[in-house]
Amino acid sequence: MFAQAEAHQSNRMAKEPHIGQLIKTELRNQGRSITWLANKLNFSRQNVYKILNRPWIYTDLLLKISYLLDYDFFKFYSDYIQEHKSH
């Protein structure tokens, strides 16, 4: 039973938005660099690269990045929930 639930969770997560990739795309669309974001967050560039390579992010950090880029990244999760509600 546990293995079945774990497989379902893994399969479900594979379909969820990769938030790091979404942020990278928006940075590129705005012509902003990793260095710019690192400076705004007061993080090292290496830490920002680690964040952007992950498919998950802490909500407080996502909120800061959303403000900095003036972009609602939470909408991707809301849309995902709406699309998969009936499944």
N, C-alpha and C. Protein backbone atom coordinates (compact mmCIF):
# COMPACT_ATOMS: atom_id res chain seq x y z
N MET A 1 0.83 -1.19 0.00
CA MET A 1 0.00 0.00 0.00
C MET A 1 0.88 1.26 0.00
N PHE A 2 1.91 1.27 0.87
CA PHE A 2 2.79 2.43 0.94
C PHE A 2 3.51 2.66 -0.39
N ALA A 3 4.00 1.59 -1.00
CA ALA A 3 4.70 1.71 -2.29
C ALA A 3 3.77 2.26 -3.35
N GLN A 4 2.51 1.87 -3.31
CA GLN A 4 1.53 2.35 -4.28
C GLN A 4 1.31 3.87 -4.09
N ALA A 5 1.17 4.29 -2.84
CA ALA A 5 0.97 5.71 -2.54
C ALA A 5 2.20 6.51 -2.93
N GLU A 6 3.38 5.97 -2.66
CA GLU A 6 4.62 6.65 -3.01
C GLU A 6 4.76 6.78 -4.53
N ALA A 7 4.40 5.74 -5.27
CA ALA A 7 4.46 5.79 -6.73
C ALA A 7 3.47 6.82 -7.26
N HIS A 8 2.27 6.88 -6.67
CA HIS A 8 1.28 7.87 -7.09
C HIS A 8 1.80 9.28 -6.84
N GLN A 9 2.39 9.50 -5.67
CA GLN A 9 2.94 10.82 -5.32
C GLN A 9 4.04 11.20 -6.30
N SER A 10 4.93 10.27 -6.59
CA SER A 10 6.03 10.53 -7.52
C SER A 10 5.50 10.85 -8.91
N ASN A 11 4.52 10.10 -9.37
CA ASN A 11 3.92 10.32 -10.68
C ASN A 11 3.23 11.68 -10.73
N ARG A 12 2.50 12.02 -9.68
CA ARG A 12 1.78 13.29 -9.62
C ARG A 12 2.77 14.45 -9.65
N MET A 13 3.85 14.35 -8.87
CA MET A 13 4.82 15.43 -8.80
C MET A 13 5.54 15.63 -10.12
N ALA A 14 5.71 14.58 -10.89
CA ALA A 14 6.39 14.70 -12.17
C ALA A 14 5.60 15.61 -13.12
N LYS A 15 4.30 15.71 -12.91
CA LYS A 15 3.45 16.51 -13.78
C LYS A 15 3.29 17.94 -13.28
N GLU A 16 3.68 18.20 -12.05
CA GLU A 16 3.54 19.54 -11.49
C GLU A 16 4.53 20.50 -12.14
N PRO A 17 4.22 21.80 -12.11
CA PRO A 17 5.15 22.78 -12.67
C PRO A 17 6.50 22.74 -11.96
N HIS A 18 7.57 22.89 -12.72
CA HIS A 18 8.92 22.99 -12.15
C HIS A 18 9.17 24.47 -11.89
N ILE A 19 8.98 24.89 -10.66
CA ILE A 19 9.01 26.32 -10.34
C ILE A 19 10.35 26.96 -10.66
N GLY A 20 11.43 26.23 -10.48
CA GLY A 20 12.74 26.80 -10.81
C GLY A 20 12.84 27.15 -12.28
N GLN A 21 12.33 26.26 -13.13
CA GLN A 21 12.35 26.52 -14.57
C GLN A 21 11.44 27.70 -14.92
N LEU A 22 10.31 27.79 -14.26
CA LEU A 22 9.39 28.91 -14.51
C LEU A 22 10.03 30.24 -14.14
N ILE A 23 10.74 30.27 -13.04
CA ILE A 23 11.42 31.50 -12.62
C ILE A 23 12.54 31.84 -13.61
N LYS A 24 13.32 30.83 -14.01
CA LYS A 24 14.38 31.07 -15.00
C LYS A 24 13.81 31.67 -16.28
N THR A 25 12.70 31.12 -16.73
CA THR A 25 12.07 31.61 -17.96
C THR A 25 11.64 33.06 -17.81
N GLU A 26 11.04 33.40 -16.67
CA GLU A 26 10.60 34.78 -16.46
C GLU A 26 11.80 35.73 -16.34
N LEU A 27 12.85 35.30 -15.68
CA LEU A 27 14.07 36.12 -15.62
C LEU A 27 14.56 36.43 -17.03
N ARG A 28 14.63 35.40 -17.85
CA ARG A 28 15.08 35.56 -19.24
C ARG A 28 14.15 36.50 -20.01
N ASN A 29 12.83 36.32 -19.84
CA ASN A 29 11.86 37.18 -20.53
C ASN A 29 12.02 38.65 -20.15
N GLN A 30 12.42 38.90 -18.92
CA GLN A 30 12.60 40.27 -18.45
C GLN A 30 14.01 40.80 -18.70
N GLY A 31 14.88 39.95 -19.24
CA GLY A 31 16.25 40.38 -19.50
C GLY A 31 17.07 40.55 -18.23
N ARG A 32 16.69 39.82 -17.20
CA ARG A 32 17.41 39.92 -15.92
C ARG A 32 18.31 38.69 -15.75
N SER A 33 19.34 38.87 -14.93
CA SER A 33 20.33 37.81 -14.76
C SER A 33 20.20 37.13 -13.40
N ILE A 34 20.87 36.01 -13.28
CA ILE A 34 20.96 35.31 -11.99
C ILE A 34 21.65 36.21 -10.97
N THR A 35 22.64 36.94 -11.41
CA THR A 35 23.36 37.87 -10.53
C THR A 35 22.41 38.93 -9.99
N TRP A 36 21.56 39.47 -10.87
CA TRP A 36 20.57 40.48 -10.44
C TRP A 36 19.69 39.91 -9.34
N LEU A 37 19.15 38.70 -9.57
CA LEU A 37 18.27 38.08 -8.58
C LEU A 37 19.03 37.80 -7.29
N ALA A 38 20.24 37.29 -7.39
CA ALA A 38 21.05 37.00 -6.21
C ALA A 38 21.27 38.28 -5.39
N ASN A 39 21.58 39.37 -6.06
CA ASN A 39 21.79 40.64 -5.34
C ASN A 39 20.52 41.12 -4.66
N LYS A 40 19.39 41.01 -5.35
CA LYS A 40 18.11 41.45 -4.78
C LYS A 40 17.71 40.61 -3.57
N LEU A 41 18.02 39.31 -3.61
CA LEU A 41 17.67 38.41 -2.51
C LEU A 41 18.74 38.38 -1.42
N ASN A 42 19.89 38.99 -1.71
CA ASN A 42 21.04 38.95 -0.82
C ASN A 42 21.53 37.51 -0.62
N PHE A 43 21.55 36.75 -1.74
CA PHE A 43 22.02 35.37 -1.77
C PHE A 43 23.24 35.32 -2.67
N SER A 44 24.02 34.27 -2.54
CA SER A 44 25.10 34.05 -3.49
C SER A 44 24.49 33.54 -4.80
N ARG A 45 25.22 33.72 -5.89
CA ARG A 45 24.76 33.19 -7.18
C ARG A 45 24.60 31.68 -7.10
N GLN A 46 25.51 31.01 -6.40
CA GLN A 46 25.44 29.55 -6.27
C GLN A 46 24.13 29.12 -5.60
N ASN A 47 23.70 29.85 -4.57
CA ASN A 47 22.44 29.52 -3.91
C ASN A 47 21.25 29.74 -4.84
N VAL A 48 21.30 30.78 -5.64
CA VAL A 48 20.21 31.03 -6.59
C VAL A 48 20.17 29.92 -7.63
N TYR A 49 21.32 29.49 -8.12
CA TYR A 49 21.34 28.38 -9.08
C TYR A 49 20.73 27.12 -8.45
N LYS A 50 21.04 26.85 -7.18
CA LYS A 50 20.47 25.69 -6.50
C LYS A 50 18.95 25.81 -6.42
N ILE A 51 18.47 26.99 -6.09
CA ILE A 51 17.02 27.22 -5.99
C ILE A 51 16.36 26.99 -7.35
N LEU A 52 16.95 27.52 -8.39
CA LEU A 52 16.34 27.43 -9.72
C LEU A 52 16.43 26.04 -10.33
N ASN A 53 17.28 25.21 -9.81
CA ASN A 53 17.37 23.84 -10.31
C ASN A 53 16.42 22.88 -9.59
N ARG A 54 15.77 23.37 -8.55
CA ARG A 54 14.82 22.53 -7.80
C ARG A 54 13.42 22.68 -8.38
N PRO A 55 12.62 21.62 -8.30
CA PRO A 55 11.22 21.71 -8.75
C PRO A 55 10.30 22.27 -7.66
N TRP A 56 10.84 22.60 -6.49
CA TRP A 56 10.04 23.12 -5.38
C TRP A 56 10.72 24.36 -4.80
N ILE A 57 9.95 25.13 -4.02
CA ILE A 57 10.48 26.34 -3.41
C ILE A 57 9.66 26.66 -2.17
N TYR A 58 10.28 27.25 -1.19
CA TYR A 58 9.55 27.70 -0.01
C TYR A 58 8.64 28.86 -0.40
N THR A 59 7.45 28.90 0.19
CA THR A 59 6.48 29.92 -0.21
C THR A 59 6.95 31.34 0.10
N ASP A 60 7.64 31.55 1.21
CA ASP A 60 8.11 32.90 1.51
C ASP A 60 9.12 33.39 0.48
N LEU A 61 9.95 32.49 -0.01
CA LEU A 61 10.92 32.85 -1.04
C LEU A 61 10.22 33.10 -2.37
N LEU A 62 9.23 32.28 -2.68
CA LEU A 62 8.47 32.49 -3.91
C LEU A 62 7.74 33.82 -3.88
N LEU A 63 7.24 34.20 -2.73
CA LEU A 63 6.58 35.49 -2.59
C LEU A 63 7.56 36.63 -2.86
N LYS A 64 8.77 36.54 -2.31
CA LYS A 64 9.79 37.58 -2.55
C LYS A 64 10.13 37.67 -4.03
N ILE A 65 10.33 36.52 -4.66
CA ILE A 65 10.68 36.51 -6.08
C ILE A 65 9.52 37.03 -6.92
N SER A 66 8.31 36.69 -6.54
CA SER A 66 7.13 37.21 -7.25
C SER A 66 7.09 38.73 -7.18
N TYR A 67 7.36 39.29 -6.01
CA TYR A 67 7.40 40.75 -5.87
C TYR A 67 8.52 41.36 -6.71
N LEU A 68 9.71 40.77 -6.63
CA LEU A 68 10.85 41.31 -7.36
C LEU A 68 10.63 41.33 -8.87
N LEU A 69 10.03 40.27 -9.38
CA LEU A 69 9.81 40.17 -10.82
C LEU A 69 8.43 40.68 -11.25
N ASP A 70 7.65 41.12 -10.27
CA ASP A 70 6.28 41.59 -10.53
C ASP A 70 5.52 40.56 -11.37
N TYR A 71 5.57 39.31 -10.87
CA TYR A 71 4.97 38.19 -11.60
C TYR A 71 4.38 37.20 -10.59
N ASP A 72 3.16 36.77 -10.82
CA ASP A 72 2.47 35.88 -9.89
C ASP A 72 2.79 34.41 -10.19
N PHE A 73 3.85 33.91 -9.57
CA PHE A 73 4.23 32.51 -9.76
C PHE A 73 3.26 31.57 -9.07
N PHE A 74 2.53 32.05 -8.09
CA PHE A 74 1.55 31.21 -7.40
C PHE A 74 0.42 30.79 -8.34
N LYS A 75 0.20 31.57 -9.37
CA LYS A 75 -0.86 31.26 -10.33
C LYS A 75 -0.61 29.90 -11.00
N PHE A 76 0.64 29.55 -11.22
CA PHE A 76 0.94 28.25 -11.83
C PHE A 76 0.40 27.12 -10.96
N TYR A 77 0.55 27.26 -9.64
CA TYR A 77 0.04 26.24 -8.73
C TYR A 77 -1.48 26.25 -8.69
N SER A 78 -2.07 27.44 -8.66
CA SER A 78 -3.54 27.55 -8.67
C SER A 78 -4.11 26.93 -9.94
N ASP A 79 -3.51 27.24 -11.07
CA ASP A 79 -3.97 26.66 -12.33
C ASP A 79 -3.82 25.15 -12.34
N TYR A 80 -2.71 24.67 -11.79
CA TYR A 80 -2.47 23.23 -11.73
C TYR A 80 -3.56 22.55 -10.90
N ILE A 81 -3.90 23.14 -9.77
CA ILE A 81 -4.93 22.57 -8.90
C ILE A 81 -6.27 22.53 -9.62
N GLN A 82 -6.62 23.63 -10.29
CA GLN A 82 -7.89 23.67 -11.02
C GLN A 82 -7.95 22.64 -12.13
N GLU A 83 -6.86 22.47 -12.85
CA GLU A 83 -6.82 21.53 -13.96
C GLU A 83 -6.90 20.08 -13.49
N HIS A 84 -6.40 19.80 -12.29
CA HIS A 84 -6.33 18.42 -11.81
C HIS A 84 -7.34 18.11 -10.71
N LYS A 85 -8.24 19.02 -10.46
CA LYS A 85 -9.24 18.86 -9.41
C LYS A 85 -10.11 17.62 -9.62
N SER A 86 -10.52 17.38 -10.83
CA SER A 86 -11.45 16.29 -11.10
C SER A 86 -10.77 14.94 -11.30
N HIS A 87 -9.43 14.91 -11.27
CA HIS A 87 -8.73 13.65 -11.51
C HIS A 87 -8.52 12.86 -10.28
